[in-house]
Amino acid sequence: MQKNHLTALFFTVFVCFSALNLWASDSKKKSDTPEDRKSEVSAYVKHHNLDTHDFGLFSYTDDQGHHHSVGFPLPVILWSDGLHVFSSSALHHGESVVASNGKFFKLDSHTYKIYETDAEGTFTYDDQHHVTNVAPLDFSITKSVFMIMVVSILLFWIFSSLAKSYAQNRSIPKGVGRFFEPIVLYIRDDIAIPNIGEEKYQKYMPYLLTVFFFIWFLNLFGLTPLGINVTGNIAVTTALAIITFLLTNLTGTKDYWKHIFDPLGHGMPWAAKIPLYIILIPIEVLGIFIKPFSLLIRLYANMQAGHIVLGSLIGLIYIFQNWIAGPLGFGLSFAISLIELLVALLQAYIFTMLSALYFGFASESHDHAVEHDGEVQHL
């Protein structure tokens, strides 16, 4: 029986690679050189990681060489001497100028940003070939914002159902709740309580649970072929880090702030502490801002790099178009995809763990401060 399964597996792989080779042979007739294909793959990977004003499902090029995108438009909301609202389909991927309330707007097809233009859609550039046109305030529902809404609704539905199942079955979950309950308990027992403490962890639990599942679900959606890279958007990771920053410092106890501005405690006379405080206090204050910065950079860099690597490996099949590149690109892409599944969960765990650790610092009690002073004196 196992031999039959292996035979079927090898036969399936052989057929897939045969079809891939036929496609590659046909594509060679349409592509000029490997350099052209490299440029096309590079542009596609870059586009895949950008936030756009429409939701693209897939694209194709017809026999006449015309490029077509299949998806659905999203609302564009701009503010420039007034409110401007229209559908992203009016932009035609940067090919058309949109007139709204006496203003003209056009999408830059390279950066996917909207700028004010004239009726002809003229762009002006500086020496570095950056657009110098005025950019309006953009409050549009972009692809990333749309997916944030989808994940938010999904999380609300899942955990509302989980809460109802607890109420109806005497705190015993059923259905999908059986999968999520161990994760919730792990975040409580192995992340929140050890880092924050049993007395104060409860007020941070809603945020820790929300940020864990929010990042995890967005990372999983990012592994689909739909070009969703929300956590690879530095604006999104910055917003999450700012929330952690605000919760940490707005809920910080007096002992937390005392540790920052009086790190040596009462173990030394002020005359001896002042020279040290000239160095220590700026470092402690700088650490307040370094912590959220490390959060946003770690999540952004890992997810963005993963998408770039995966897209580049898939692009190898198209660039080289031979029997070696096909299996090699497919195998490496499959392996990286499995690793990205782990990274999606790991990055959500790391962000939640570090947030809990920072909340633990902010919840520092007087007893802990005294113990810390005793350790300093002992040293």
Protein backbone atom coordinates (compact mmCIF):
# COMPACT_ATOMS: atom_id res chain seq x y z
CA MET A 1 0.00 0.00 0.00
CA GLN A 2 2.84 2.38 0.84
CA LYS A 3 4.50 1.63 -2.52
CA ASN A 4 1.29 2.63 -4.29
CA HIS A 5 1.21 5.94 -2.41
CA LEU A 6 4.86 6.64 -3.26
CA THR A 7 4.25 5.81 -6.90
CA ALA A 8 1.28 8.16 -7.02
CA LEU A 9 3.31 10.88 -5.31
CA PHE A 10 6.23 10.63 -7.74
CA PHE A 11 3.86 10.47 -10.70
CA THR A 12 2.06 13.61 -9.53
CA VAL A 13 5.33 15.50 -9.04
CA PHE A 14 6.51 14.35 -12.49
CA VAL A 15 3.31 15.60 -14.14
CA CYS A 16 3.54 18.93 -12.33
CA PHE A 17 7.14 19.47 -13.38
CA SER A 18 6.31 18.42 -16.96
CA ALA A 19 3.55 21.01 -17.08
CA LEU A 20 5.92 23.56 -15.53
CA ASN A 21 8.52 22.85 -18.19
CA LEU A 22 5.94 23.26 -20.99
CA TRP A 23 4.85 26.57 -19.46
CA ALA A 24 8.46 27.71 -19.16
CA SER A 25 9.18 26.79 -22.77
CA ASP A 26 6.17 28.79 -23.92
CA SER A 27 7.16 31.73 -21.71
CA LYS A 28 10.61 31.88 -23.26
CA LYS A 29 9.00 32.89 -26.52
CA LYS A 30 7.35 35.87 -24.81
CA SER A 31 10.31 36.99 -22.66
CA ASP A 32 13.35 38.58 -24.20
CA THR A 33 16.24 37.95 -21.81
CA PRO A 34 16.81 36.69 -18.24
CA GLU A 35 17.49 40.32 -17.27
CA ASP A 36 14.00 41.29 -18.41
CA ARG A 37 12.51 38.46 -16.41
CA LYS A 38 14.54 39.46 -13.35
CA SER A 39 13.18 43.00 -13.57
CA GLU A 40 9.65 41.68 -13.93
CA VAL A 41 10.01 39.38 -10.92
CA SER A 42 11.57 42.18 -8.85
CA ALA A 43 8.69 44.53 -9.70
CA TYR A 44 6.13 41.82 -8.88
CA VAL A 45 7.70 41.02 -5.49
CA LYS A 46 7.82 44.73 -4.66
CA HIS A 47 4.19 45.17 -5.66
CA HIS A 48 3.22 42.10 -3.63
CA ASN A 49 4.56 43.72 -0.45
CA LEU A 50 3.04 47.16 -1.01
CA ASP A 51 -0.23 48.40 0.41
CA THR A 52 -2.63 49.24 -2.42
CA HIS A 53 -5.95 51.04 -2.79
CA ASP A 54 -7.62 48.02 -4.37
CA PHE A 55 -7.76 44.35 -3.43
CA GLY A 56 -6.16 42.29 -6.18
CA LEU A 57 -6.88 38.57 -6.31
CA PHE A 58 -4.65 37.70 -9.27
CA SER A 59 -3.37 39.15 -12.54
CA TYR A 60 -2.55 37.87 -16.01
CA THR A 61 -1.22 39.04 -19.38
CA ASP A 62 -3.20 38.27 -22.52
CA ASP A 63 -1.81 37.29 -25.92
CA GLN A 64 -1.65 40.95 -26.96
CA GLY A 65 0.62 41.76 -24.00
CA HIS A 66 -2.03 43.67 -22.05
CA HIS A 67 -1.89 43.26 -18.29
CA HIS A 68 -5.16 42.56 -16.47
CA SER A 69 -5.83 42.55 -12.72
CA VAL A 70 -8.76 40.70 -11.16
CA GLY A 71 -10.06 41.93 -7.81
CA PHE A 72 -12.38 44.55 -6.36
CA PRO A 73 -11.99 48.29 -5.67
CA LEU A 74 -11.86 49.93 -2.25
CA PRO A 75 -13.00 53.42 -1.21
CA VAL A 76 -10.49 56.26 -1.50
CA ILE A 77 -10.87 58.94 1.18
CA LEU A 78 -8.65 62.03 0.82
CA TRP A 79 -8.46 65.40 2.56
CA SER A 80 -7.14 68.35 0.57
CA ASP A 81 -8.98 71.62 1.17
CA GLY A 82 -12.03 69.47 1.76
CA LEU A 83 -13.12 65.86 1.70
CA HIS A 84 -12.73 63.78 -1.48
CA VAL A 85 -14.31 60.33 -1.67
CA PHE A 86 -14.35 58.07 -4.74
CA SER A 87 -13.73 54.47 -5.76
CA SER A 88 -10.20 53.26 -6.42
CA SER A 89 -11.41 51.87 -9.75
CA ALA A 90 -11.46 55.47 -11.02
CA LEU A 91 -7.67 55.59 -10.70
CA HIS A 92 -7.24 52.65 -13.15
CA HIS A 93 -3.94 51.63 -11.49
CA GLY A 94 -2.39 55.03 -12.15
CA GLU A 95 -3.51 55.38 -15.75
CA SER A 96 -6.31 57.93 -15.16
CA VAL A 97 -6.73 61.29 -13.46
CA VAL A 98 -9.63 61.67 -11.01
CA ALA A 99 -11.39 65.03 -10.72
CA SER A 100 -13.02 65.73 -7.36
CA ASN A 101 -14.39 69.06 -6.08
CA GLY A 102 -12.08 71.11 -8.28
CA LYS A 103 -8.99 69.01 -7.48
CA PHE A 104 -7.20 66.45 -9.64
CA PHE A 105 -5.61 63.30 -8.23
CA LYS A 106 -3.50 60.56 -9.75
CA LEU A 107 -1.91 57.36 -8.43
CA ASP A 108 1.85 56.92 -8.79
CA SER A 109 2.20 53.40 -10.17
CA HIS A 110 5.67 52.97 -8.58
CA THR A 111 4.95 53.96 -4.97
CA TYR A 112 1.16 53.44 -5.06
CA LYS A 113 0.63 56.82 -3.41
CA ILE A 114 -1.92 59.39 -4.53
CA TYR A 115 -0.78 62.93 -5.41
CA GLU A 116 -2.42 66.13 -6.53
CA THR A 117 -1.86 66.87 -10.22
CA ASP A 118 -3.26 68.98 -13.01
CA ALA A 119 -5.91 67.88 -15.48
CA GLU A 120 -3.25 66.10 -17.56
CA GLY A 121 -1.90 64.15 -14.58
CA THR A 122 1.58 65.70 -14.63
CA PHE A 123 4.13 64.54 -12.07
CA THR A 124 7.24 66.55 -11.17
CA TYR A 125 10.39 64.85 -9.88
CA ASP A 126 13.50 65.83 -7.92
CA ASP A 127 17.09 64.74 -8.57
CA GLN A 128 16.46 61.33 -6.93
CA HIS A 129 13.39 60.82 -9.14
CA HIS A 130 10.99 61.23 -6.21
CA VAL A 131 7.60 62.77 -6.87
CA THR A 132 7.42 66.36 -5.60
CA ASN A 133 3.67 66.85 -6.08
CA VAL A 134 1.58 67.66 -3.03
CA ALA A 135 0.30 64.51 -1.31
CA PRO A 136 -3.14 64.86 0.33
CA LEU A 137 -3.97 63.33 3.68
CA ASP A 138 -4.92 59.77 2.83
CA PHE A 139 -7.57 58.06 5.02
CA SER A 140 -8.44 55.45 2.39
CA ILE A 141 -9.59 51.91 3.10
CA THR A 142 -6.53 50.23 1.63
CA LYS A 143 -5.87 46.51 1.33
CA SER A 144 -4.17 46.43 4.74
CA VAL A 145 -6.99 48.35 6.41
CA PHE A 146 -9.53 46.03 4.80
CA MET A 147 -7.74 42.95 6.16
CA ILE A 148 -7.47 44.53 9.62
CA MET A 149 -11.25 44.92 9.56
CA VAL A 150 -11.72 41.34 8.39
CA VAL A 151 -9.45 39.94 11.12
CA SER A 152 -11.09 42.13 13.76
CA ILE A 153 -14.55 40.84 12.81
CA LEU A 154 -13.22 37.27 12.72
CA LEU A 155 -11.68 37.57 16.18
CA PHE A 156 -14.84 39.15 17.59
CA TRP A 157 -16.95 36.32 16.18
CA ILE A 158 -14.59 33.56 17.38
CA PHE A 159 -14.25 34.77 20.93
CA SER A 160 -17.90 35.77 21.25
CA SER A 161 -18.75 32.19 20.30
CA LEU A 162 -16.14 30.93 22.77
CA ALA A 163 -17.66 33.03 25.58
CA LYS A 164 -21.17 31.76 24.78
CA SER A 165 -19.98 28.15 24.80
CA TYR A 166 -18.42 28.69 28.22
CA ALA A 167 -21.67 30.13 29.55
CA GLN A 168 -23.84 27.38 28.09
CA ASN A 169 -21.64 24.39 28.95
CA ARG A 170 -20.49 25.22 32.49
CA SER A 171 -17.09 26.60 31.46
CA ILE A 172 -16.43 23.73 29.08
CA PRO A 173 -15.72 24.90 25.51
CA LYS A 174 -17.02 23.11 22.45
CA GLY A 175 -16.31 23.24 18.74
CA VAL A 176 -13.54 25.62 17.73
CA GLY A 177 -13.27 26.74 21.36
CA ARG A 178 -11.46 23.50 22.19
CA PHE A 179 -8.63 24.61 19.93
CA PHE A 180 -8.33 28.16 21.27
CA GLU A 181 -8.78 27.44 24.99
CA PRO A 182 -5.28 25.89 25.49
CA ILE A 183 -3.73 28.90 23.74
CA VAL A 184 -5.62 31.34 25.97
CA LEU A 185 -4.57 29.40 29.06
CA TYR A 186 -0.95 29.32 27.88
CA ILE A 187 -0.88 33.09 27.42
CA ARG A 188 -2.34 33.51 30.90
CA ASP A 189 -0.27 30.91 32.78
CA ASP A 190 3.05 31.06 30.92
CA ILE A 191 3.25 34.64 29.67
CA ALA A 192 1.08 37.01 31.71
CA ILE A 193 1.37 35.64 35.26
CA PRO A 194 5.15 34.92 35.26
CA ASN A 195 6.03 38.34 33.81
CA ILE A 196 3.41 40.59 35.41
CA GLY A 197 2.43 38.78 38.60
CA GLU A 198 -0.76 37.19 39.87
CA GLU A 199 -2.05 40.42 41.44
CA LYS A 200 -1.92 42.68 38.36
CA TYR A 201 -1.92 40.46 35.29
CA GLN A 202 -5.71 40.51 34.79
CA LYS A 203 -5.93 44.12 33.66
CA TYR A 204 -3.42 43.42 30.86
CA MET A 205 -4.90 40.10 29.71
CA PRO A 206 -7.45 41.57 27.23
CA TYR A 207 -4.68 43.39 25.38
CA LEU A 208 -2.25 40.46 25.44
CA LEU A 209 -4.87 38.07 24.05
CA THR A 210 -5.97 40.58 21.43
CA VAL A 211 -2.49 41.43 20.19
CA PHE A 212 -1.42 37.76 20.06
CA PHE A 213 -4.34 36.52 17.97
CA PHE A 214 -4.44 39.73 15.91
CA ILE A 215 -0.81 39.40 14.83
CA TRP A 216 -1.03 35.63 14.39
CA PHE A 217 -4.11 35.77 12.15
CA LEU A 218 -2.69 38.62 10.06
CA ASN A 219 0.56 36.67 9.62
CA LEU A 220 -1.38 33.59 8.49
CA PHE A 221 -3.37 35.62 5.97
CA GLY A 222 -0.06 37.02 4.75
CA LEU A 223 0.99 33.52 3.67
CA THR A 224 -1.87 33.30 1.18
CA PRO A 225 -1.28 34.19 -2.50
CA LEU A 226 -3.49 37.29 -2.17
CA GLY A 227 -0.62 39.72 -1.55
CA ILE A 228 -1.65 40.52 2.03
CA ASN A 229 1.35 41.73 4.01
CA VAL A 230 -0.22 43.74 6.83
CA THR A 231 2.40 43.03 9.50
CA GLY A 232 5.07 43.76 6.89
CA ASN A 233 3.76 47.34 6.88
CA ILE A 234 5.83 49.45 9.26
CA ALA A 235 2.86 51.75 9.94
CA VAL A 236 0.88 48.82 11.38
CA THR A 237 3.73 47.54 13.57
CA THR A 238 4.40 51.10 14.73
CA ALA A 239 0.77 51.49 15.81
CA LEU A 240 0.91 48.22 17.78
CA ALA A 241 4.19 49.26 19.44
CA ILE A 242 2.74 52.67 20.36
CA ILE A 243 -0.18 50.97 22.11
CA THR A 244 2.23 48.84 24.14
CA PHE A 245 4.28 51.96 24.88
CA LEU A 246 1.25 53.89 26.12
CA LEU A 247 -0.07 51.04 28.26
CA THR A 248 3.36 50.52 29.80
CA ASN A 249 3.96 54.13 30.76
CA LEU A 250 0.42 55.23 31.58
CA THR A 251 -0.08 52.31 33.98
CA GLY A 252 3.40 52.47 35.45
CA THR A 253 3.64 52.61 39.24
CA LYS A 254 5.64 55.16 41.18
CA ASP A 255 8.28 52.49 41.78
CA TYR A 256 8.59 52.03 38.00
CA TRP A 257 9.28 55.74 37.49
CA LYS A 258 11.47 55.86 40.58
CA HIS A 259 13.60 53.06 39.11
CA ILE A 260 14.07 55.17 35.95
CA PHE A 261 14.96 58.47 37.65
CA ASP A 262 16.55 57.02 40.80
CA PRO A 263 17.99 53.67 39.65
CA LEU A 264 20.48 53.34 42.52
CA GLY A 265 17.84 53.77 45.25
CA HIS A 266 18.82 54.73 48.78
CA GLY A 267 21.97 52.67 49.05
CA MET A 268 24.38 55.50 48.18
CA PRO A 269 24.73 59.15 49.24
CA TRP A 270 23.56 61.71 46.68
CA ALA A 271 27.05 63.15 46.34
CA ALA A 272 28.27 59.80 45.03
CA LYS A 273 25.17 59.13 42.90
CA ILE A 274 25.08 62.40 40.94
CA PRO A 275 28.06 61.59 38.66
CA LEU A 276 26.57 58.17 37.92
CA TYR A 277 23.10 59.59 37.29
CA ILE A 278 24.49 61.82 34.55
CA ILE A 279 25.02 58.57 32.61
CA LEU A 280 22.35 56.24 34.02
CA ILE A 281 19.24 58.45 33.84
CA PRO A 282 19.61 59.29 30.10
CA ILE A 283 20.12 55.57 29.41
CA GLU A 284 16.98 54.67 31.39
CA VAL A 285 14.93 57.37 29.64
CA LEU A 286 16.25 56.26 26.26
CA GLY A 287 15.26 52.69 27.11
CA ILE A 288 11.62 53.80 27.40
CA PHE A 289 11.62 54.52 23.66
CA ILE A 290 13.99 51.74 22.57
CA LYS A 291 11.63 49.04 23.86
CA PRO A 292 8.69 49.86 21.53
CA PHE A 293 11.12 50.56 18.69
CA SER A 294 12.55 47.06 19.02
CA LEU A 295 9.01 45.66 18.97
CA LEU A 296 8.01 47.35 15.74
CA ILE A 297 11.28 46.69 13.91
CA ARG A 298 11.43 43.00 14.86
CA LEU A 299 7.91 42.23 13.64
CA TYR A 300 8.18 44.37 10.51
CA ALA A 301 11.62 43.13 9.43
CA ASN A 302 10.87 39.44 9.95
CA MET A 303 7.58 39.45 8.06
CA GLN A 304 8.82 41.69 5.25
CA ALA A 305 11.97 39.62 4.78
CA GLY A 306 9.99 36.38 4.71
CA HIS A 307 7.73 37.64 1.93
CA ILE A 308 10.66 38.92 -0.11
CA VAL A 309 12.57 35.63 0.19
CA LEU A 310 9.51 33.55 -0.66
CA GLY A 311 8.62 35.71 -3.66
CA SER A 312 12.21 35.64 -4.92
CA LEU A 313 12.41 31.83 -4.69
CA ILE A 314 9.17 31.46 -6.62
CA GLY A 315 10.54 33.92 -9.17
CA LEU A 316 13.53 31.63 -9.81
CA ILE A 317 11.18 29.26 -11.65
CA TYR A 318 10.21 32.02 -14.05
CA ILE A 319 13.69 33.53 -14.42
CA PHE A 320 15.67 30.38 -15.31
CA GLN A 321 12.85 28.31 -16.85
CA ASN A 322 14.52 24.91 -16.93
CA TRP A 323 14.29 21.47 -15.32
CA ILE A 324 16.76 22.40 -12.57
CA ALA A 325 15.23 25.72 -11.51
CA GLY A 326 11.69 24.34 -11.46
CA PRO A 327 12.11 21.58 -8.83
CA LEU A 328 14.70 23.63 -6.91
CA GLY A 329 12.51 26.75 -6.73
CA PHE A 330 9.44 24.70 -5.84
CA GLY A 331 11.25 22.75 -3.12
CA LEU A 332 12.83 25.81 -1.53
CA SER A 333 9.56 27.74 -1.69
CA PHE A 334 7.73 24.87 -0.01
CA ALA A 335 10.37 24.65 2.74
CA ILE A 336 10.32 28.41 3.35
CA SER A 337 6.51 28.33 3.47
CA LEU A 338 6.65 25.75 6.27
CA ILE A 339 9.17 27.90 8.13
CA GLU A 340 6.96 30.96 7.63
CA LEU A 341 4.09 29.12 9.31
CA LEU A 342 6.30 28.78 12.37
CA VAL A 343 7.52 32.38 12.08
CA ALA A 344 3.90 33.63 11.92
CA LEU A 345 3.22 32.05 15.31
CA LEU A 346 6.64 32.87 16.74
CA GLN A 347 6.42 36.59 15.97
CA ALA A 348 3.01 36.82 17.61
CA TYR A 349 4.42 35.02 20.65
CA ILE A 350 7.51 37.27 20.86
CA PHE A 351 5.48 40.49 20.58
CA THR A 352 3.09 39.28 23.30
CA MET A 353 5.90 38.03 25.54
CA LEU A 354 7.88 41.28 25.34
CA SER A 355 4.73 43.35 25.90
CA ALA A 356 4.00 41.31 29.04
CA LEU A 357 7.60 41.78 30.16
CA TYR A 358 7.31 45.57 29.76
CA PHE A 359 4.00 45.55 31.64
CA GLY A 360 5.76 43.64 34.41
CA PHE A 361 8.35 46.41 34.65
CA ALA A 362 5.55 48.99 34.81
CA SER A 363 3.81 47.04 37.59
CA GLU A 364 6.90 46.96 39.79
CA SER A 365 5.85 46.90 43.43
CA HIS A 366 7.47 48.60 46.42
CA ASP A 367 8.64 45.25 47.80
CA HIS A 368 10.44 44.52 44.55
CA ALA A 369 12.06 47.94 44.68
CA VAL A 370 13.28 47.36 48.24
CA GLU A 371 14.62 43.96 47.24
CA HIS A 372 16.39 45.56 44.30
CA ASP A 373 17.93 48.21 46.57
CA GLY A 374 19.14 45.47 48.89
CA GLU A 375 20.83 43.69 46.02
CA VAL A 376 22.55 46.93 45.00
CA GLN A 377 23.75 47.51 48.55
CA HIS A 378 24.98 43.93 48.76
CA LEU A 379 26.91 44.35 45.55
